[in-house]
């Protein structure tokens, strides 16, 4: 089977510019679907991150009314100690539409990430990567926009089925004959988590990173901390509104 040729830098820039224009309000479902298909061909499924990781970042978003609260937490990879955190509050420009989550969450996520002083080696996102009906979940979308390695970690399947493997710590998720992700089961947890390639990482390395970041919560540690930050900012916003009323 021949691999599809990679897009040129100019084509990548054109697709990203199209996304930027959509985020500024020029959005339609038809344009978004076309852009998803275009960007999906640009996802790199090979390892393009350091052999020894220094920093891993978790990304999450919370919502309250018309506001979105993006959060990013950078952790030292070895110890998973928090090294830097940033949050951002932006107006929500797009409603939740199934399979279009990235168009809703990219703006608040980027707003927080752009405040970082540190440069993470890889971003972990509470969303799908290529385990998506159009092979472009939020983790892949964000990785492409940043030009950085990214990993999708979701709590439910969006497409495909788990092919249970008894002798591995994970089982492949297969959709239309293609392995699009892996289902990981922790000994302490009854429910699975679903890991998939975001961008510039192989599935094997994505699984390795995810397993390293598992602690006491079902959420991986970088994502858990980002989730707490985003939720805290959302609660502060609600309290401010209550005090003003």
C-alpha atoms as a PDB file:
ATOM      1  CA  UNK A   1       0.000   0.000   0.000  1.00  0.00           C
ATOM      2  CA  UNK A   2       1.492   3.333  -1.061  1.00  0.00           C
ATOM      3  CA  UNK A   3       1.510   6.222   1.401  1.00  0.00           C
ATOM      4  CA  UNK A   4      -0.235   9.397   0.351  1.00  0.00           C
ATOM      5  CA  UNK A   5       2.328  12.082  -0.494  1.00  0.00           C
ATOM      6  CA  UNK A   6       2.676  14.786   2.119  1.00  0.00           C
ATOM      7  CA  UNK A   7       1.439  18.274   1.396  1.00  0.00           C
ATOM      8  CA  UNK A   8       3.835  21.091   0.676  1.00  0.00           C
ATOM      9  CA  UNK A   9       4.444  23.853   3.196  1.00  0.00           C
ATOM     10  CA  UNK A  10       2.424  26.236   1.034  1.00  0.00           C
ATOM     11  CA  UNK A  11      -0.576  23.907   0.994  1.00  0.00           C
ATOM     12  CA  UNK A  12      -0.338  23.460   4.768  1.00  0.00           C
ATOM     13  CA  UNK A  13      -0.230  27.211   5.297  1.00  0.00           C
ATOM     14  CA  UNK A  14      -3.250  27.696   3.046  1.00  0.00           C
ATOM     15  CA  UNK A  15      -5.268  25.152   5.025  1.00  0.00           C
ATOM     16  CA  UNK A  16      -4.275  26.747   8.327  1.00  0.00           C
ATOM     17  CA  UNK A  17      -5.122  30.219   7.015  1.00  0.00           C
ATOM     18  CA  UNK A  18      -8.531  28.877   6.012  1.00  0.00           C
ATOM     19  CA  UNK A  19      -9.007  27.670   9.585  1.00  0.00           C
ATOM     20  CA  UNK A  20      -7.990  31.066  10.975  1.00  0.00           C
ATOM     21  CA  UNK A  21     -10.578  32.755   8.761  1.00  0.00           C
ATOM     22  CA  UNK A  22     -13.267  30.369  10.002  1.00  0.00           C
ATOM     23  CA  UNK A  23     -12.365  31.108  13.607  1.00  0.00           C
ATOM     24  CA  UNK A  24     -12.906  34.781  12.848  1.00  0.00           C
ATOM     25  CA  UNK A  25     -16.513  34.058  11.988  1.00  0.00           C
ATOM     26  CA  UNK A  26     -16.520  32.904   8.362  1.00  0.00           C
ATOM     27  CA  UNK A  27     -17.758  29.442   9.305  1.00  0.00           C
ATOM     28  CA  UNK A  28     -20.105  27.013   7.584  1.00  0.00           C
ATOM     29  CA  UNK A  29     -20.531  23.277   8.096  1.00  0.00           C
ATOM     30  CA  UNK A  30     -19.610  22.657   4.462  1.00  0.00           C
ATOM     31  CA  UNK A  31     -16.382  24.660   4.707  1.00  0.00           C
ATOM     32  CA  UNK A  32     -15.490  23.010   7.997  1.00  0.00           C
ATOM     33  CA  UNK A  33     -15.966  19.498   6.625  1.00  0.00           C
ATOM     34  CA  UNK A  34     -13.869  20.324   3.581  1.00  0.00           C
ATOM     35  CA  UNK A  35     -11.142  21.724   5.814  1.00  0.00           C
ATOM     36  CA  UNK A  36     -11.227  18.644   8.047  1.00  0.00           C
ATOM     37  CA  UNK A  37     -10.624  16.394   5.060  1.00  0.00           C
ATOM     38  CA  UNK A  38      -7.820  18.639   3.822  1.00  0.00           C
ATOM     39  CA  UNK A  39      -6.036  18.842   7.187  1.00  0.00           C
ATOM     40  CA  UNK A  40      -6.443  15.106   7.816  1.00  0.00           C
ATOM     41  CA  UNK A  41      -4.070  14.413   4.917  1.00  0.00           C
ATOM     42  CA  UNK A  42      -1.417  16.553   6.616  1.00  0.00           C
ATOM     43  CA  UNK A  43      -1.332  14.685   9.931  1.00  0.00           C
ATOM     44  CA  UNK A  44       2.109  13.124  10.459  1.00  0.00           C
ATOM     45  CA  UNK A  45       1.864   9.695  12.110  1.00  0.00           C
ATOM     46  CA  UNK A  46       5.589   9.317  12.768  1.00  0.00           C
ATOM     47  CA  UNK A  47       7.649  10.302  15.791  1.00  0.00           C
ATOM     48  CA  UNK A  48       8.976  13.813  15.418  1.00  0.00           C
ATOM     49  CA  UNK A  49       9.563  14.513  19.083  1.00  0.00           C
ATOM     50  CA  UNK A  50      12.687  14.105  21.247  1.00  0.00           C
ATOM     51  CA  UNK A  51      13.656  10.606  22.312  1.00  0.00           C
ATOM     52  CA  UNK A  52      13.913  11.876  25.867  1.00  0.00           C
ATOM     53  CA  UNK A  53      10.990  14.089  26.765  1.00  0.00           C
ATOM     54  CA  UNK A  54      11.451  16.977  29.185  1.00  0.00           C
ATOM     55  CA  UNK A  55       8.011  18.571  29.316  1.00  0.00           C
ATOM     56  CA  UNK A  56       4.488  17.390  28.563  1.00  0.00           C
ATOM     57  CA  UNK A  57       1.450  19.684  28.462  1.00  0.00           C
ATOM     58  CA  UNK A  58      -2.212  18.974  29.117  1.00  0.00           C
ATOM     59  CA  UNK A  59      -4.973  21.042  27.501  1.00  0.00           C
ATOM     60  CA  UNK A  60      -8.635  21.406  28.462  1.00  0.00           C
ATOM     61  CA  UNK A  61     -11.544  23.841  28.114  1.00  0.00           C
ATOM     62  CA  UNK A  62     -14.565  24.638  30.319  1.00  0.00           C
ATOM     63  CA  UNK A  63     -17.642  26.696  29.475  1.00  0.00           C
ATOM     64  CA  UNK A  64     -20.070  29.051  31.189  1.00  0.00           C
ATOM     65  CA  UNK A  65     -22.697  30.717  29.054  1.00  0.00           C
ATOM     66  CA  UNK A  66     -21.043  32.575  26.184  1.00  0.00           C
ATOM     67  CA  UNK A  67     -17.557  32.248  27.705  1.00  0.00           C
ATOM     68  CA  UNK A  68     -14.886  29.579  27.223  1.00  0.00           C
ATOM     69  CA  UNK A  69     -12.009  29.021  29.632  1.00  0.00           C
ATOM     70  CA  UNK A  70      -8.918  27.449  28.127  1.00  0.00           C
ATOM     71  CA  UNK A  71      -6.189  25.971  30.307  1.00  0.00           C
ATOM     72  CA  UNK A  72      -2.769  24.454  29.699  1.00  0.00           C
ATOM     73  CA  UNK A  73      -0.595  22.749  32.306  1.00  0.00           C
ATOM     74  CA  UNK A  74       3.077  22.000  31.580  1.00  0.00           C
ATOM     75  CA  UNK A  75       4.580  19.180  33.641  1.00  0.00           C
ATOM     76  CA  UNK A  76       8.100  17.831  33.949  1.00  0.00           C
ATOM     77  CA  UNK A  77       7.843  14.525  32.140  1.00  0.00           C
ATOM     78  CA  UNK A  78       9.898  12.436  34.547  1.00  0.00           C
ATOM     79  CA  UNK A  79       8.311  13.497  37.825  1.00  0.00           C
ATOM     80  CA  UNK A  80       5.026  14.910  36.483  1.00  0.00           C
ATOM     81  CA  UNK A  81       5.610  17.928  38.707  1.00  0.00           C
ATOM     82  CA  UNK A  82       3.874  21.104  37.546  1.00  0.00           C
ATOM     83  CA  UNK A  83       6.300  23.495  35.828  1.00  0.00           C
ATOM     84  CA  UNK A  84       3.938  26.151  34.426  1.00  0.00           C
ATOM     85  CA  UNK A  85       0.212  26.791  34.027  1.00  0.00           C
ATOM     86  CA  UNK A  86      -1.732  29.317  31.983  1.00  0.00           C
ATOM     87  CA  UNK A  87      -5.419  30.073  31.453  1.00  0.00           C
ATOM     88  CA  UNK A  88      -7.404  32.290  29.103  1.00  0.00           C
ATOM     89  CA  UNK A  89     -10.992  33.509  28.878  1.00  0.00           C
ATOM     90  CA  UNK A  90     -12.518  34.124  25.457  1.00  0.00           C
ATOM     91  CA  UNK A  91     -16.019  34.447  24.079  1.00  0.00           C
ATOM     92  CA  UNK A  92     -17.353  31.259  22.549  1.00  0.00           C
ATOM     93  CA  UNK A  93     -17.728  31.740  18.808  1.00  0.00           C
ATOM     94  CA  UNK A  94     -19.119  28.348  17.832  1.00  0.00           C
ATOM     95  CA  UNK A  95     -21.741  26.035  19.420  1.00  0.00           C
ATOM     96  CA  UNK A  96     -21.095  22.380  20.178  1.00  0.00           C
ATOM     97  CA  UNK A  97     -21.645  20.316  17.045  1.00  0.00           C
ATOM     98  CA  UNK A  98     -20.691  16.599  17.050  1.00  0.00           C
ATOM     99  CA  UNK A  99     -17.421  15.896  15.128  1.00  0.00           C
ATOM    100  CA  UNK A 100     -16.655  19.660  15.044  1.00  0.00           C
ATOM    101  CA  UNK A 101     -15.363  20.037  18.616  1.00  0.00           C
ATOM    102  CA  UNK A 102     -12.048  21.510  17.474  1.00  0.00           C
ATOM    103  CA  UNK A 103     -13.703  24.563  15.937  1.00  0.00           C
ATOM    104  CA  UNK A 104     -15.199  25.324  19.355  1.00  0.00           C
ATOM    105  CA  UNK A 105     -12.124  24.636  21.479  1.00  0.00           C
ATOM    106  CA  UNK A 106      -9.153  25.836  19.430  1.00  0.00           C
ATOM    107  CA  UNK A 107      -9.538  29.532  20.236  1.00  0.00           C
ATOM    108  CA  UNK A 108      -9.574  29.249  24.058  1.00  0.00           C
ATOM    109  CA  UNK A 109      -6.849  26.602  23.956  1.00  0.00           C
ATOM    110  CA  UNK A 110      -4.550  28.680  21.756  1.00  0.00           C
ATOM    111  CA  UNK A 111      -5.189  31.765  23.890  1.00  0.00           C
ATOM    112  CA  UNK A 112      -3.844  29.907  26.933  1.00  0.00           C
ATOM    113  CA  UNK A 113      -0.973  28.174  25.098  1.00  0.00           C
ATOM    114  CA  UNK A 114       0.296  31.458  23.636  1.00  0.00           C
ATOM    115  CA  UNK A 115       0.903  32.723  27.185  1.00  0.00           C
ATOM    116  CA  UNK A 116       3.399  29.934  27.923  1.00  0.00           C
ATOM    117  CA  UNK A 117       7.030  30.812  28.535  1.00  0.00           C
ATOM    118  CA  UNK A 118       8.065  27.151  28.312  1.00  0.00           C
ATOM    119  CA  UNK A 119       7.958  24.990  25.183  1.00  0.00           C
ATOM    120  CA  UNK A 120       6.422  21.542  25.842  1.00  0.00           C
ATOM    121  CA  UNK A 121       7.715  18.602  23.813  1.00  0.00           C
ATOM    122  CA  UNK A 122       4.210  17.199  23.366  1.00  0.00           C
ATOM    123  CA  UNK A 123       0.627  18.299  24.008  1.00  0.00           C
ATOM    124  CA  UNK A 124      -1.999  15.925  25.449  1.00  0.00           C
ATOM    125  CA  UNK A 125      -5.587  16.874  24.705  1.00  0.00           C
ATOM    126  CA  UNK A 126      -8.839  15.730  26.328  1.00  0.00           C
ATOM    127  CA  UNK A 127     -10.245  14.802  22.908  1.00  0.00           C
ATOM    128  CA  UNK A 128      -9.754  12.520  19.922  1.00  0.00           C
ATOM    129  CA  UNK A 129      -6.829  12.613  17.525  1.00  0.00           C
ATOM    130  CA  UNK A 130      -7.236  10.558  14.334  1.00  0.00           C
ATOM    131  CA  UNK A 131      -9.800   8.309  16.093  1.00  0.00           C
ATOM    132  CA  UNK A 132     -12.428  10.489  14.451  1.00  0.00           C
ATOM    133  CA  UNK A 133     -14.857   9.784  11.587  1.00  0.00           C
ATOM    134  CA  UNK A 134     -12.933  12.254   9.426  1.00  0.00           C
ATOM    135  CA  UNK A 135      -9.535  11.456  11.002  1.00  0.00           C
ATOM    136  CA  UNK A 136      -9.188  14.940  12.408  1.00  0.00           C
ATOM    137  CA  UNK A 137     -10.205  15.304  16.047  1.00  0.00           C
ATOM    138  CA  UNK A 138      -9.262  18.260  18.203  1.00  0.00           C
ATOM    139  CA  UNK A 139      -5.882  16.774  19.217  1.00  0.00           C
ATOM    140  CA  UNK A 140      -4.833  16.486  15.561  1.00  0.00           C
ATOM    141  CA  UNK A 141      -6.283  19.886  14.703  1.00  0.00           C
ATOM    142  CA  UNK A 142      -4.379  21.584  17.525  1.00  0.00           C
ATOM    143  CA  UNK A 143      -1.140  19.764  16.746  1.00  0.00           C
ATOM    144  CA  UNK A 144      -1.300  20.874  13.124  1.00  0.00           C
ATOM    145  CA  UNK A 145      -2.013  24.464  14.047  1.00  0.00           C
ATOM    146  CA  UNK A 146       0.862  24.548  16.553  1.00  0.00           C
ATOM    147  CA  UNK A 147       3.189  22.462  14.382  1.00  0.00           C
ATOM    148  CA  UNK A 148       3.890  20.392  17.517  1.00  0.00           C
ATOM    149  CA  UNK A 149       3.498  16.741  18.532  1.00  0.00           C
ATOM    150  CA  UNK A 150       0.122  16.018  20.097  1.00  0.00           C
ATOM    151  CA  UNK A 151      -1.773  13.051  21.546  1.00  0.00           C
ATOM    152  CA  UNK A 152      -5.528  12.583  21.844  1.00  0.00           C
ATOM    153  CA  UNK A 153      -6.869  11.043  25.067  1.00  0.00           C
ATOM    154  CA  UNK A 154     -10.634  10.555  25.219  1.00  0.00           C
ATOM    155  CA  UNK A 155     -13.057   8.974  27.673  1.00  0.00           C
ATOM    156  CA  UNK A 156     -15.348   7.539  24.983  1.00  0.00           C
ATOM    157  CA  UNK A 157     -15.193   6.267  21.413  1.00  0.00           C
ATOM    158  CA  UNK A 158     -16.230   8.486  18.534  1.00  0.00           C
ATOM    159  CA  UNK A 159     -15.736   5.826  15.880  1.00  0.00           C
ATOM    160  CA  UNK A 160     -14.513   2.248  15.513  1.00  0.00           C
ATOM    161  CA  UNK A 161     -14.569  -0.759  17.791  1.00  0.00           C
ATOM    162  CA  UNK A 162     -12.158  -2.143  20.370  1.00  0.00           C
ATOM    163  CA  UNK A 163     -10.507  -5.413  19.345  1.00  0.00           C
ATOM    164  CA  UNK A 164      -9.751  -6.857  22.769  1.00  0.00           C
ATOM    165  CA  UNK A 165      -6.240  -8.246  23.253  1.00  0.00           C
ATOM    166  CA  UNK A 166      -5.601 -10.402  26.316  1.00  0.00           C
ATOM    167  CA  UNK A 167      -1.808 -10.217  26.438  1.00  0.00           C
ATOM    168  CA  UNK A 168      -1.338  -6.460  26.099  1.00  0.00           C
ATOM    169  CA  UNK A 169      -1.957  -3.483  28.342  1.00  0.00           C
ATOM    170  CA  UNK A 170      -3.949  -1.997  25.476  1.00  0.00           C
ATOM    171  CA  UNK A 171      -6.269  -3.098  22.683  1.00  0.00           C
ATOM    172  CA  UNK A 172      -6.445  -1.625  19.172  1.00  0.00           C
ATOM    173  CA  UNK A 173      -9.387   0.504  18.096  1.00  0.00           C
ATOM    174  CA  UNK A 174     -10.239  -0.319  14.487  1.00  0.00           C
ATOM    175  CA  UNK A 175     -12.442   1.727  12.158  1.00  0.00           C
ATOM    176  CA  UNK A 176     -13.068   0.699   8.551  1.00  0.00           C
ATOM    177  CA  UNK A 177     -10.134  -1.693   8.664  1.00  0.00           C
ATOM    178  CA  UNK A 178      -7.690   0.922  10.010  1.00  0.00           C
ATOM    179  CA  UNK A 179      -6.131   1.036  13.477  1.00  0.00           C
ATOM    180  CA  UNK A 180      -7.046   4.540  14.632  1.00  0.00           C
ATOM    181  CA  UNK A 181      -6.222   4.298  18.324  1.00  0.00           C
ATOM    182  CA  UNK A 182      -5.774   2.184  21.414  1.00  0.00           C
ATOM    183  CA  UNK A 183      -7.986   1.400  24.386  1.00  0.00           C
ATOM    184  CA  UNK A 184      -6.055   1.436  27.665  1.00  0.00           C
ATOM    185  CA  UNK A 185      -7.357  -0.137  30.852  1.00  0.00           C
ATOM    186  CA  UNK A 186      -5.910   0.729  34.250  1.00  0.00           C
ATOM    187  CA  UNK A 187      -5.930  -1.930  36.940  1.00  0.00           C
ATOM    188  CA  UNK A 188      -7.804   0.347  39.356  1.00  0.00           C
ATOM    189  CA  UNK A 189     -10.355   1.586  36.807  1.00  0.00           C
ATOM    190  CA  UNK A 190     -13.306  -0.196  35.293  1.00  0.00           C
ATOM    191  CA  UNK A 191     -13.573   2.093  32.290  1.00  0.00           C
ATOM    192  CA  UNK A 192     -11.232   2.466  29.347  1.00  0.00           C
ATOM    193  CA  UNK A 193      -9.420   5.519  28.048  1.00  0.00           C
ATOM    194  CA  UNK A 194      -8.841   5.919  24.342  1.00  0.00           C
ATOM    195  CA  UNK A 195      -5.499   7.119  23.008  1.00  0.00           C
ATOM    196  CA  UNK A 196      -4.859   8.159  19.426  1.00  0.00           C
ATOM    197  CA  UNK A 197      -2.280   9.920  17.299  1.00  0.00           C
ATOM    198  CA  UNK A 198      -2.693  13.668  17.256  1.00  0.00           C
ATOM    199  CA  UNK A 199       0.216  14.871  15.134  1.00  0.00           C
ATOM    200  CA  UNK A 200       3.952  14.088  14.759  1.00  0.00           C
ATOM    201  CA  UNK A 201       3.800  10.982  16.960  1.00  0.00           C
ATOM    202  CA  UNK A 202       3.377   7.252  16.347  1.00  0.00           C
ATOM    203  CA  UNK A 203       0.629   5.294  18.068  1.00  0.00           C
ATOM    204  CA  UNK A 204       3.223   3.277  19.980  1.00  0.00           C
ATOM    205  CA  UNK A 205       4.861   6.411  21.379  1.00  0.00           C
ATOM    206  CA  UNK A 206       1.470   7.959  22.137  1.00  0.00           C
ATOM    207  CA  UNK A 207       0.556   4.888  24.200  1.00  0.00           C
ATOM    208  CA  UNK A 208       3.911   4.996  25.987  1.00  0.00           C
ATOM    209  CA  UNK A 209       3.430   8.665  26.917  1.00  0.00           C
ATOM    210  CA  UNK A 210      -0.150   8.087  28.045  1.00  0.00           C
ATOM    211  CA  UNK A 211       0.782   5.125  30.245  1.00  0.00           C
ATOM    212  CA  UNK A 212       3.568   7.152  31.843  1.00  0.00           C
ATOM    213  CA  UNK A 213       1.130   9.966  32.685  1.00  0.00           C
ATOM    214  CA  UNK A 214      -1.464   7.754  34.371  1.00  0.00           C
ATOM    215  CA  UNK A 215      -1.765   8.384  38.114  1.00  0.00           C
ATOM    216  CA  UNK A 216      -4.692   7.982  40.497  1.00  0.00           C
ATOM    217  CA  UNK A 217      -7.293   9.619  38.261  1.00  0.00           C
ATOM    218  CA  UNK A 218      -8.924   8.271  35.119  1.00  0.00           C
ATOM    219  CA  UNK A 219      -7.706  11.494  33.513  1.00  0.00           C
ATOM    220  CA  UNK A 220      -4.019  11.521  32.694  1.00  0.00           C
ATOM    221  CA  UNK A 221      -2.097  13.819  35.023  1.00  0.00           C
ATOM    222  CA  UNK A 222      -1.393  16.697  32.575  1.00  0.00           C
ATOM    223  CA  UNK A 223      -5.015  16.697  31.420  1.00  0.00           C
ATOM    224  CA  UNK A 224      -6.338  16.338  34.981  1.00  0.00           C
ATOM    225  CA  UNK A 225      -4.478  19.449  36.090  1.00  0.00           C
ATOM    226  CA  UNK A 226      -5.557  21.402  33.001  1.00  0.00           C
ATOM    227  CA  UNK A 227      -9.137  20.326  33.677  1.00  0.00           C
ATOM    228  CA  UNK A 228      -8.945  21.564  37.278  1.00  0.00           C
ATOM    229  CA  UNK A 229      -7.548  24.900  36.106  1.00  0.00           C
ATOM    230  CA  UNK A 230     -10.222  25.396  33.451  1.00  0.00           C
ATOM    231  CA  UNK A 231     -12.974  24.442  35.899  1.00  0.00           C
ATOM    232  CA  UNK A 232     -11.603  26.797  38.551  1.00  0.00           C
ATOM    233  CA  UNK A 233     -11.589  29.705  36.086  1.00  0.00           C
ATOM    234  CA  UNK A 234     -15.142  28.897  35.060  1.00  0.00           C
ATOM    235  CA  UNK A 235     -16.297  28.856  38.720  1.00  0.00           C
ATOM    236  CA  UNK A 236     -14.570  32.191  39.387  1.00  0.00           C
ATOM    237  CA  UNK A 237     -16.438  33.668  36.448  1.00  0.00           C
ATOM    238  CA  UNK A 238     -19.764  32.418  37.788  1.00  0.00           C
ATOM    239  CA  UNK A 239     -19.006  33.830  41.243  1.00  0.00           C
ATOM    240  CA  UNK A 240     -18.180  37.220  39.735  1.00  0.00           C
ATOM    241  CA  UNK A 241     -21.509  37.254  37.924  1.00  0.00           C
ATOM    242  CA  UNK A 242     -23.332  36.311  41.139  1.00  0.00           C
ATOM    243  CA  UNK A 243     -21.610  39.096  43.070  1.00  0.00           C
ATOM    244  CA  UNK A 244     -22.462  41.658  40.393  1.00  0.00           C
ATOM    245  CA  UNK A 245     -26.135  40.708  40.258  1.00  0.00           C
END
